[in-house]
Amino acid sequence: MEVVYGLILLAVIAFFVARPLLRPLAAGGAAHSRADELQILKESKYRELRDTELDHAAGKLSEEDYRARQDELRRESIAILAELELSQMHEARPI
């Protein structure tokens, strides 16, 4: 269970560290659209899923911790994909 708490703490820290990178740049820089930000988040979640699978295969995660982490990451990925789809539909909608 300690591993799960460690992984959650790591995810929270990674989120706060990556947050400035996902924000639009100040004047003079190119701003990302929300769809671009969501695409980055989606790719990040996929990497986390892959890393979790590799950790489990290497014996670093118990079956219980692996399943809990996979379930959490899948829920987060589904939420990101749903928001990404809505964002893309909104951007594609003619004015």
PDB file of N, CA and C in Angstrom:
ATOM      1  N   MET A   1       0.814  -1.188   0.000  1.00  0.00           N
ATOM      2  CA  MET A   1       0.000   0.000   0.000  1.00  0.00           C
ATOM      3  C   MET A   1       0.860   1.255   0.000  1.00  0.00           C
ATOM      4  N   GLU A   2       2.043   1.141   0.613  1.00  0.00           N
ATOM      5  CA  GLU A   2       2.954   2.278   0.642  1.00  0.00           C
ATOM      6  C   GLU A   2       3.383   2.669  -0.762  1.00  0.00           C
ATOM      7  N   VAL A   3       3.489   1.672  -1.631  1.00  0.00           N
ATOM      8  CA  VAL A   3       3.880   1.941  -3.014  1.00  0.00           C
ATOM      9  C   VAL A   3       2.813   2.787  -3.700  1.00  0.00           C
ATOM     10  N   VAL A   4       1.555   2.482  -3.446  1.00  0.00           N
ATOM     11  CA  VAL A   4       0.458   3.246  -4.053  1.00  0.00           C
ATOM     12  C   VAL A   4       0.521   4.691  -3.588  1.00  0.00           C
ATOM     13  N   TYR A   5       0.726   4.890  -2.278  1.00  0.00           N
ATOM     14  CA  TYR A   5       0.842   6.251  -1.773  1.00  0.00           C
ATOM     15  C   TYR A   5       2.042   6.969  -2.391  1.00  0.00           C
ATOM     16  N   GLY A   6       3.122   6.253  -2.559  1.00  0.00           N
ATOM     17  CA  GLY A   6       4.303   6.834  -3.188  1.00  0.00           C
ATOM     18  C   GLY A   6       4.044   7.228  -4.625  1.00  0.00           C
ATOM     19  N   LEU A   7       3.339   6.371  -5.355  1.00  0.00           N
ATOM     20  CA  LEU A   7       3.012   6.672  -6.751  1.00  0.00           C
ATOM     21  C   LEU A   7       2.058   7.856  -6.858  1.00  0.00           C
ATOM     22  N   ILE A   8       1.100   7.922  -5.947  1.00  0.00           N
ATOM     23  CA  ILE A   8       0.173   9.050  -5.955  1.00  0.00           C
ATOM     24  C   ILE A   8       0.926  10.341  -5.653  1.00  0.00           C
ATOM     25  N   LEU A   9       1.810  10.303  -4.661  1.00  0.00           N
ATOM     26  CA  LEU A   9       2.614  11.475  -4.334  1.00  0.00           C
ATOM     27  C   LEU A   9       3.476  11.885  -5.523  1.00  0.00           C
ATOM     28  N   LEU A  10       4.064  10.916  -6.188  1.00  0.00           N
ATOM     29  CA  LEU A  10       4.879  11.198  -7.370  1.00  0.00           C
ATOM     30  C   LEU A  10       4.044  11.840  -8.474  1.00  0.00           C
ATOM     31  N   ALA A  11       2.835  11.350  -8.683  1.00  0.00           N
ATOM     32  CA  ALA A  11       1.957  11.921  -9.714  1.00  0.00           C
ATOM     33  C   ALA A  11       1.587  13.360  -9.377  1.00  0.00           C
ATOM     34  N   VAL A  12       1.305  13.635  -8.111  1.00  0.00           N
ATOM     35  CA  VAL A  12       0.952  14.998  -7.696  1.00  0.00           C
ATOM     36  C   VAL A  12       2.143  15.932  -7.900  1.00  0.00           C
ATOM     37  N   ILE A  13       3.314  15.487  -7.514  1.00  0.00           N
ATOM     38  CA  ILE A  13       4.519  16.305  -7.690  1.00  0.00           C
ATOM     39  C   ILE A  13       4.777  16.553  -9.173  1.00  0.00           C
ATOM     40  N   ALA A  14       4.651  15.502  -9.981  1.00  0.00           N
ATOM     41  CA  ALA A  14       4.860  15.642 -11.427  1.00  0.00           C
ATOM     42  C   ALA A  14       3.868  16.632 -12.026  1.00  0.00           C
ATOM     43  N   PHE A  15       2.631  16.589 -11.546  1.00  0.00           N
ATOM     44  CA  PHE A  15       1.613  17.517 -12.045  1.00  0.00           C
ATOM     45  C   PHE A  15       2.023  18.962 -11.764  1.00  0.00           C
ATOM     46  N   PHE A  16       2.442  19.234 -10.519  1.00  0.00           N
ATOM     47  CA  PHE A  16       2.806  20.600 -10.166  1.00  0.00           C
ATOM     48  C   PHE A  16       4.090  21.051 -10.849  1.00  0.00           C
ATOM     49  N   VAL A  17       4.998  20.138 -11.097  1.00  0.00           N
ATOM     50  CA  VAL A  17       6.223  20.492 -11.802  1.00  0.00           C
ATOM     51  C   VAL A  17       5.920  20.772 -13.270  1.00  0.00           C
ATOM     52  N   ALA A  18       5.038  19.991 -13.864  1.00  0.00           N
ATOM     53  CA  ALA A  18       4.722  20.131 -15.287  1.00  0.00           C
ATOM     54  C   ALA A  18       3.727  21.248 -15.556  1.00  0.00           C
ATOM     55  N   ARG A  19       3.018  21.694 -14.537  1.00  0.00           N
ATOM     56  CA  ARG A  19       1.985  22.705 -14.730  1.00  0.00           C
ATOM     57  C   ARG A  19       2.463  23.950 -15.459  1.00  0.00           C
ATOM     58  N   PRO A  20       3.598  24.538 -15.083  1.00  0.00           N
ATOM     59  CA  PRO A  20       4.043  25.735 -15.813  1.00  0.00           C
ATOM     60  C   PRO A  20       4.330  25.452 -17.295  1.00  0.00           C
ATOM     61  N   LEU A  21       4.724  24.235 -17.590  1.00  0.00           N
ATOM     62  CA  LEU A  21       5.014  23.893 -18.988  1.00  0.00           C
ATOM     63  C   LEU A  21       3.747  23.793 -19.813  1.00  0.00           C
ATOM     64  N   LEU A  22       2.630  23.545 -19.170  1.00  0.00           N
ATOM     65  CA  LEU A  22       1.368  23.378 -19.882  1.00  0.00           C
ATOM     66  C   LEU A  22       0.598  24.682 -20.032  1.00  0.00           C
ATOM     67  N   ARG A  23       1.005  25.702 -19.298  1.00  0.00           N
ATOM     68  CA  ARG A  23       0.333  27.000 -19.387  1.00  0.00           C
ATOM     69  C   ARG A  23       0.762  27.737 -20.652  1.00  0.00           C
ATOM     70  N   PRO A  24      -0.132  28.576 -21.176  1.00  0.00           N
ATOM     71  CA  PRO A  24       0.279  29.412 -22.316  1.00  0.00           C
ATOM     72  C   PRO A  24       1.426  30.329 -21.907  1.00  0.00           C
ATOM     73  N   LEU A  25       2.323  30.549 -22.833  1.00  0.00           N
ATOM     74  CA  LEU A  25       3.462  31.416 -22.555  1.00  0.00           C
ATOM     75  C   LEU A  25       3.015  32.860 -22.455  1.00  0.00           C
ATOM     76  N   ALA A  26       3.775  33.673 -21.745  1.00  0.00           N
ATOM     77  CA  ALA A  26       3.474  35.098 -21.596  1.00  0.00           C
ATOM     78  C   ALA A  26       3.634  35.787 -22.951  1.00  0.00           C
ATOM     79  N   ALA A  27       3.391  37.077 -22.976  1.00  0.00           N
ATOM     80  CA  ALA A  27       3.471  37.840 -24.219  1.00  0.00           C
ATOM     81  C   ALA A  27       4.780  37.551 -24.945  1.00  0.00           C
ATOM     82  N   GLY A  28       4.671  37.383 -26.247  1.00  0.00           N
ATOM     83  CA  GLY A  28       5.853  37.099 -27.042  1.00  0.00           C
ATOM     84  C   GLY A  28       6.009  35.617 -27.333  1.00  0.00           C
ATOM     85  N   GLY A  29       5.282  34.776 -26.653  1.00  0.00           N
ATOM     86  CA  GLY A  29       5.363  33.336 -26.885  1.00  0.00           C
ATOM     87  C   GLY A  29       4.073  32.827 -27.485  1.00  0.00           C
ATOM     88  N   ALA A  30       4.146  31.666 -28.060  1.00  0.00           N
ATOM     89  CA  ALA A  30       2.955  31.065 -28.649  1.00  0.00           C
ATOM     90  C   ALA A  30       2.156  30.369 -27.555  1.00  0.00           C
ATOM     91  N   ALA A  31       0.861  30.617 -27.536  1.00  0.00           N
ATOM     92  CA  ALA A  31      -0.008  29.985 -26.545  1.00  0.00           C
ATOM     93  C   ALA A  31      -0.558  28.682 -27.119  1.00  0.00           C
ATOM     94  N   HIS A  32      -0.677  27.696 -26.251  1.00  0.00           N
ATOM     95  CA  HIS A  32      -1.262  26.424 -26.658  1.00  0.00           C
ATOM     96  C   HIS A  32      -2.770  26.493 -26.487  1.00  0.00           C
ATOM     97  N   SER A  33      -3.474  25.811 -27.362  1.00  0.00           N
ATOM     98  CA  SER A  33      -4.913  25.698 -27.178  1.00  0.00           C
ATOM     99  C   SER A  33      -5.181  24.654 -26.105  1.00  0.00           C
ATOM    100  N   ARG A  34      -6.389  24.620 -25.623  1.00  0.00           N
ATOM    101  CA  ARG A  34      -6.761  23.629 -24.607  1.00  0.00           C
ATOM    102  C   ARG A  34      -6.607  22.228 -25.185  1.00  0.00           C
ATOM    103  N   ALA A  35      -6.920  22.063 -26.465  1.00  0.00           N
ATOM    104  CA  ALA A  35      -6.760  20.756 -27.102  1.00  0.00           C
ATOM    105  C   ALA A  35      -5.296  20.321 -27.102  1.00  0.00           C
ATOM    106  N   ASP A  36      -4.377  21.261 -27.325  1.00  0.00           N
ATOM    107  CA  ASP A  36      -2.949  20.948 -27.284  1.00  0.00           C
ATOM    108  C   ASP A  36      -2.528  20.505 -25.880  1.00  0.00           C
ATOM    109  N   GLU A  37      -3.024  21.217 -24.881  1.00  0.00           N
ATOM    110  CA  GLU A  37      -2.716  20.863 -23.497  1.00  0.00           C
ATOM    111  C   GLU A  37      -3.236  19.475 -23.158  1.00  0.00           C
ATOM    112  N   LEU A  38      -4.459  19.195 -23.596  1.00  0.00           N
ATOM    113  CA  LEU A  38      -5.051  17.889 -23.325  1.00  0.00           C
ATOM    114  C   LEU A  38      -4.301  16.777 -24.047  1.00  0.00           C
ATOM    115  N   GLN A  39      -3.819  17.067 -25.246  1.00  0.00           N
ATOM    116  CA  GLN A  39      -3.036  16.080 -25.989  1.00  0.00           C
ATOM    117  C   GLN A  39      -1.751  15.744 -25.227  1.00  0.00           C
ATOM    118  N   ILE A  40      -1.126  16.752 -24.665  1.00  0.00           N
ATOM    119  CA  ILE A  40       0.085  16.540 -23.866  1.00  0.00           C
ATOM    120  C   ILE A  40      -0.233  15.705 -22.636  1.00  0.00           C
ATOM    121  N   LEU A  41      -1.338  16.035 -21.970  1.00  0.00           N
ATOM    122  CA  LEU A  41      -1.755  15.261 -20.793  1.00  0.00           C
ATOM    123  C   LEU A  41      -2.057  13.811 -21.156  1.00  0.00           C
ATOM    124  N   LYS A  42      -2.706  13.618 -22.298  1.00  0.00           N
ATOM    125  CA  LYS A  42      -3.039  12.263 -22.748  1.00  0.00           C
ATOM    126  C   LYS A  42      -1.768  11.439 -22.956  1.00  0.00           C
ATOM    127  N   GLU A  43      -0.803  12.021 -23.630  1.00  0.00           N
ATOM    128  CA  GLU A  43       0.458  11.316 -23.867  1.00  0.00           C
ATOM    129  C   GLU A  43       1.177  11.010 -22.559  1.00  0.00           C
ATOM    130  N   SER A  44       1.092  11.934 -21.604  1.00  0.00           N
ATOM    131  CA  SER A  44       1.700  11.724 -20.301  1.00  0.00           C
ATOM    132  C   SER A  44       1.045  10.552 -19.562  1.00  0.00           C
ATOM    133  N   LYS A  45      -0.272  10.481 -19.613  1.00  0.00           N
ATOM    134  CA  LYS A  45      -0.992   9.373 -18.964  1.00  0.00           C
ATOM    135  C   LYS A  45      -0.636   8.047 -19.621  1.00  0.00           C
ATOM    136  N   TYR A  46      -0.508   8.041 -20.941  1.00  0.00           N
ATOM    137  CA  TYR A  46      -0.138   6.802 -21.629  1.00  0.00           C
ATOM    138  C   TYR A  46       1.262   6.348 -21.199  1.00  0.00           C
ATOM    139  N   ARG A  47       2.168   7.304 -21.028  1.00  0.00           N
ATOM    140  CA  ARG A  47       3.507   6.957 -20.538  1.00  0.00           C
ATOM    141  C   ARG A  47       3.439   6.387 -19.126  1.00  0.00           C
ATOM    142  N   GLU A  48       2.609   6.995 -18.280  1.00  0.00           N
ATOM    143  CA  GLU A  48       2.454   6.490 -16.918  1.00  0.00           C
ATOM    144  C   GLU A  48       1.884   5.071 -16.917  1.00  0.00           C
ATOM    145  N   LEU A  49       0.916   4.818 -17.799  1.00  0.00           N
ATOM    146  CA  LEU A  49       0.357   3.464 -17.911  1.00  0.00           C
ATOM    147  C   LEU A  49       1.434   2.465 -18.328  1.00  0.00           C
ATOM    148  N   ARG A  50       2.223   2.842 -19.319  1.00  0.00           N
ATOM    149  CA  ARG A  50       3.288   1.954 -19.788  1.00  0.00           C
ATOM    150  C   ARG A  50       4.324   1.714 -18.690  1.00  0.00           C
ATOM    151  N   ASP A  51       4.701   2.785 -17.985  1.00  0.00           N
ATOM    152  CA  ASP A  51       5.678   2.652 -16.907  1.00  0.00           C
ATOM    153  C   ASP A  51       5.151   1.751 -15.790  1.00  0.00           C
ATOM    154  N   THR A  52       3.871   1.863 -15.502  1.00  0.00           N
ATOM    155  CA  THR A  52       3.263   1.012 -14.477  1.00  0.00           C
ATOM    156  C   THR A  52       3.313  -0.448 -14.909  1.00  0.00           C
ATOM    157  N   GLU A  53       3.033  -0.707 -16.178  1.00  0.00           N
ATOM    158  CA  GLU A  53       3.106  -2.081 -16.685  1.00  0.00           C
ATOM    159  C   GLU A  53       4.531  -2.619 -16.595  1.00  0.00           C
ATOM    160  N   LEU A  54       5.512  -1.782 -16.928  1.00  0.00           N
ATOM    161  CA  LEU A  54       6.906  -2.210 -16.849  1.00  0.00           C
ATOM    162  C   LEU A  54       7.335  -2.466 -15.404  1.00  0.00           C
ATOM    163  N   ASP A  55       6.890  -1.598 -14.490  1.00  0.00           N
ATOM    164  CA  ASP A  55       7.213  -1.795 -13.074  1.00  0.00           C
ATOM    165  C   ASP A  55       6.615  -3.095 -12.549  1.00  0.00           C
ATOM    166  N   HIS A  56       5.402  -3.394 -12.972  1.00  0.00           N
ATOM    167  CA  HIS A  56       4.750  -4.646 -12.540  1.00  0.00           C
ATOM    168  C   HIS A  56       5.489  -5.846 -13.112  1.00  0.00           C
ATOM    169  N   ALA A  57       5.850  -5.775 -14.383  1.00  0.00           N
ATOM    170  CA  ALA A  57       6.565  -6.882 -15.028  1.00  0.00           C
ATOM    171  C   ALA A  57       7.939  -7.106 -14.378  1.00  0.00           C
ATOM    172  N   ALA A  58       8.542  -6.032 -13.890  1.00  0.00           N
ATOM    173  CA  ALA A  58       9.859  -6.136 -13.251  1.00  0.00           C
ATOM    174  C   ALA A  58       9.750  -6.535 -11.777  1.00  0.00           C
ATOM    175  N   GLY A  59       8.523  -6.677 -11.280  1.00  0.00           N
ATOM    176  CA  GLY A  59       8.331  -7.083  -9.898  1.00  0.00           C
ATOM    177  C   GLY A  59       8.388  -5.938  -8.904  1.00  0.00           C
ATOM    178  N   LYS A  60       8.350  -4.706  -9.392  1.00  0.00           N
ATOM    179  CA  LYS A  60       8.415  -3.552  -8.499  1.00  0.00           C
ATOM    180  C   LYS A  60       7.060  -3.227  -7.872  1.00  0.00           C
ATOM    181  N   LEU A  61       5.982  -3.721  -8.478  1.00  0.00           N
ATOM    182  CA  LEU A  61       4.632  -3.480  -7.981  1.00  0.00           C
ATOM    183  C   LEU A  61       3.944  -4.812  -7.730  1.00  0.00           C
ATOM    184  N   SER A  62       3.237  -4.889  -6.613  1.00  0.00           N
ATOM    185  CA  SER A  62       2.433  -6.084  -6.346  1.00  0.00           C
ATOM    186  C   SER A  62       1.228  -6.066  -7.281  1.00  0.00           C
ATOM    187  N   GLU A  63       0.568  -7.186  -7.385  1.00  0.00           N
ATOM    188  CA  GLU A  63      -0.617  -7.280  -8.244  1.00  0.00           C
ATOM    189  C   GLU A  63      -1.690  -6.288  -7.781  1.00  0.00           C
ATOM    190  N   GLU A  64      -1.877  -6.179  -6.475  1.00  0.00           N
ATOM    191  CA  GLU A  64      -2.889  -5.266  -5.919  1.00  0.00           C
ATOM    192  C   GLU A  64      -2.556  -3.811  -6.246  1.00  0.00           C
ATOM    193  N   ASP A  65      -1.312  -3.422  -6.037  1.00  0.00           N
ATOM    194  CA  ASP A  65      -0.893  -2.050  -6.330  1.00  0.00           C
ATOM    195  C   ASP A  65      -0.971  -1.765  -7.824  1.00  0.00           C
ATOM    196  N   TYR A  66      -0.583  -2.752  -8.622  1.00  0.00           N
ATOM    197  CA  TYR A  66      -0.626  -2.603 -10.073  1.00  0.00           C
ATOM    198  C   TYR A  66      -2.057  -2.345 -10.546  1.00  0.00           C
ATOM    199  N   ARG A  67      -2.976  -3.167 -10.082  1.00  0.00           N
ATOM    200  CA  ARG A  67      -4.383  -3.017 -10.506  1.00  0.00           C
ATOM    201  C   ARG A  67      -4.958  -1.680 -10.033  1.00  0.00           C
ATOM    202  N   ALA A  68      -4.645  -1.276  -8.810  1.00  0.00           N
ATOM    203  CA  ALA A  68      -5.150   0.006  -8.300  1.00  0.00           C
ATOM    204  C   ALA A  68      -4.604   1.165  -9.130  1.00  0.00           C
ATOM    205  N   ARG A  69      -3.322   1.122  -9.428  1.00  0.00           N
ATOM    206  CA  ARG A  69      -2.697   2.195 -10.214  1.00  0.00           C
ATOM    207  C   ARG A  69      -3.231   2.209 -11.645  1.00  0.00           C
ATOM    208  N   GLN A  70      -3.379   1.043 -12.238  1.00  0.00           N
ATOM    209  CA  GLN A  70      -3.918   0.959 -13.597  1.00  0.00           C
ATOM    210  C   GLN A  70      -5.346   1.508 -13.651  1.00  0.00           C
ATOM    211  N   ASP A  71      -6.165   1.134 -12.663  1.00  0.00           N
ATOM    212  CA  ASP A  71      -7.547   1.632 -12.631  1.00  0.00           C
ATOM    213  C   ASP A  71      -7.575   3.149 -12.528  1.00  0.00           C
ATOM    214  N   GLU A  72      -6.742   3.690 -11.645  1.00  0.00           N
ATOM    215  CA  GLU A  72      -6.687   5.140 -11.469  1.00  0.00           C
ATOM    216  C   GLU A  72      -6.242   5.836 -12.763  1.00  0.00           C
ATOM    217  N   LEU A  73      -5.177   5.333 -13.369  1.00  0.00           N
ATOM    218  CA  LEU A  73      -4.667   5.948 -14.596  1.00  0.00           C
ATOM    219  C   LEU A  73      -5.669   5.830 -15.740  1.00  0.00           C
ATOM    220  N   ARG A  74      -6.371   4.718 -15.815  1.00  0.00           N
ATOM    221  CA  ARG A  74      -7.381   4.562 -16.878  1.00  0.00           C
ATOM    222  C   ARG A  74      -8.529   5.542 -16.686  1.00  0.00           C
ATOM    223  N   ARG A  75      -8.980   5.714 -15.437  1.00  0.00           N
ATOM    224  CA  ARG A  75     -10.047   6.693 -15.181  1.00  0.00           C
ATOM    225  C   ARG A  75      -9.584   8.092 -15.588  1.00  0.00           C
ATOM    226  N   GLU A  76      -8.373   8.452 -15.213  1.00  0.00           N
ATOM    227  CA  GLU A  76      -7.847   9.772 -15.578  1.00  0.00           C
ATOM    228  C   GLU A  76      -7.724   9.911 -17.094  1.00  0.00           C
ATOM    229  N   SER A  77      -7.284   8.858 -17.767  1.00  0.00           N
ATOM    230  CA  SER A  77      -7.136   8.887 -19.225  1.00  0.00           C
ATOM    231  C   SER A  77      -8.484   9.052 -19.909  1.00  0.00           C
ATOM    232  N   ILE A  78      -9.484   8.350 -19.412  1.00  0.00           N
ATOM    233  CA  ILE A  78     -10.830   8.460 -19.995  1.00  0.00           C
ATOM    234  C   ILE A  78     -11.357   9.879 -19.844  1.00  0.00           C
ATOM    235  N   ALA A  79     -11.144  10.486 -18.687  1.00  0.00           N
ATOM    236  CA  ALA A  79     -11.597  11.865 -18.468  1.00  0.00           C
ATOM    237  C   ALA A  79     -10.881  12.823 -19.418  1.00  0.00           C
ATOM    238  N   ILE A  80      -9.588  12.622 -19.603  1.00  0.00           N
ATOM    239  CA  ILE A  80      -8.822  13.478 -20.519  1.00  0.00           C
ATOM    240  C   ILE A  80      -9.316  13.292 -21.948  1.00  0.00           C
ATOM    241  N   LEU A  81      -9.537  12.046 -22.363  1.00  0.00           N
ATOM    242  CA  LEU A  81     -10.015  11.788 -23.724  1.00  0.00           C
ATOM    243  C   LEU A  81     -11.387  12.408 -23.966  1.00  0.00           C
ATOM    244  N   ALA A  82     -12.270  12.323 -22.974  1.00  0.00           N
ATOM    245  CA  ALA A  82     -13.599  12.920 -23.118  1.00  0.00           C
ATOM    246  C   ALA A  82     -13.495  14.432 -23.263  1.00  0.00           C
ATOM    247  N   GLU A  83     -12.669  15.052 -22.428  1.00  0.00           N
ATOM    248  CA  GLU A  83     -12.499  16.503 -22.511  1.00  0.00           C
ATOM    249  C   GLU A  83     -11.824  16.901 -23.820  1.00  0.00           C
ATOM    250  N   LEU A  84     -10.865  16.094 -24.271  1.00  0.00           N
ATOM    251  CA  LEU A  84     -10.193  16.369 -25.537  1.00  0.00           C
ATOM    252  C   LEU A  84     -11.182  16.313 -26.699  1.00  0.00           C
ATOM    253  N   GLU A  85     -12.052  15.330 -26.687  1.00  0.00           N
ATOM    254  CA  GLU A  85     -13.048  15.208 -27.758  1.00  0.00           C
ATOM    255  C   GLU A  85     -13.982  16.414 -27.756  1.00  0.00           C
ATOM    256  N   LEU A  86     -14.442  16.828 -26.578  1.00  0.00           N
ATOM    257  CA  LEU A  86     -15.304  18.012 -26.498  1.00  0.00           C
ATOM    258  C   LEU A  86     -14.566  19.265 -26.961  1.00  0.00           C
ATOM    259  N   SER A  87     -13.319  19.396 -26.589  1.00  0.00           N
ATOM    260  CA  SER A  87     -12.529  20.549 -26.984  1.00  0.00           C
ATOM    261  C   SER A  87     -12.345  20.600 -28.498  1.00  0.00           C
ATOM    262  N   GLN A  88     -12.061  19.450 -29.089  1.00  0.00           N
ATOM    263  CA  GLN A  88     -11.877  19.403 -30.542  1.00  0.00           C
ATOM    264  C   GLN A  88     -13.184  19.682 -31.271  1.00  0.00           C
ATOM    265  N   MET A  89     -14.286  19.194 -30.726  1.00  0.00           N
ATOM    266  CA  MET A  89     -15.591  19.476 -31.345  1.00  0.00           C
ATOM    267  C   MET A  89     -15.894  20.962 -31.270  1.00  0.00           C
ATOM    268  N   HIS A  90     -15.553  21.580 -30.133  1.00  0.00           N
ATOM    269  CA  HIS A  90     -15.799  22.999 -29.945  1.00  0.00           C
ATOM    270  C   HIS A  90     -14.941  23.834 -30.905  1.00  0.00           C
ATOM    271  N   GLU A  91     -13.682  23.449 -31.078  1.00  0.00           N
ATOM    272  CA  GLU A  91     -12.783  24.188 -31.982  1.00  0.00           C
ATOM    273  C   GLU A  91     -13.181  24.008 -33.444  1.00  0.00           C
ATOM    274  N   ALA A  92     -13.740  22.855 -33.778  1.00  0.00           N
ATOM    275  CA  ALA A  92     -14.123  22.577 -35.170  1.00  0.00           C
ATOM    276  C   ALA A  92     -15.469  23.191 -35.532  1.00  0.00           C
ATOM    277  N   ARG A  93     -16.231  23.584 -34.532  1.00  0.00           N
ATOM    278  CA  ARG A  93     -17.573  24.132 -34.776  1.00  0.00           C
ATOM    279  C   ARG A  93     -17.456  25.468 -35.486  1.00  0.00           C
ATOM    280  N   PRO A  94     -18.159  25.632 -36.631  1.00  0.00           N
ATOM    281  CA  PRO A  94     -18.110  26.928 -37.339  1.00  0.00           C
ATOM    282  C   PRO A  94     -18.853  27.997 -36.547  1.00  0.00           C
ATOM    283  N   ILE A  95     -18.352  29.199 -36.691  1.00  0.00           N
ATOM    284  CA  ILE A  95     -18.954  30.337 -35.958  1.00  0.00           C
ATOM    285  C   ILE A  95     -19.952  31.035 -36.818  1.00  0.00           C
TER     286      ILE A  95
END
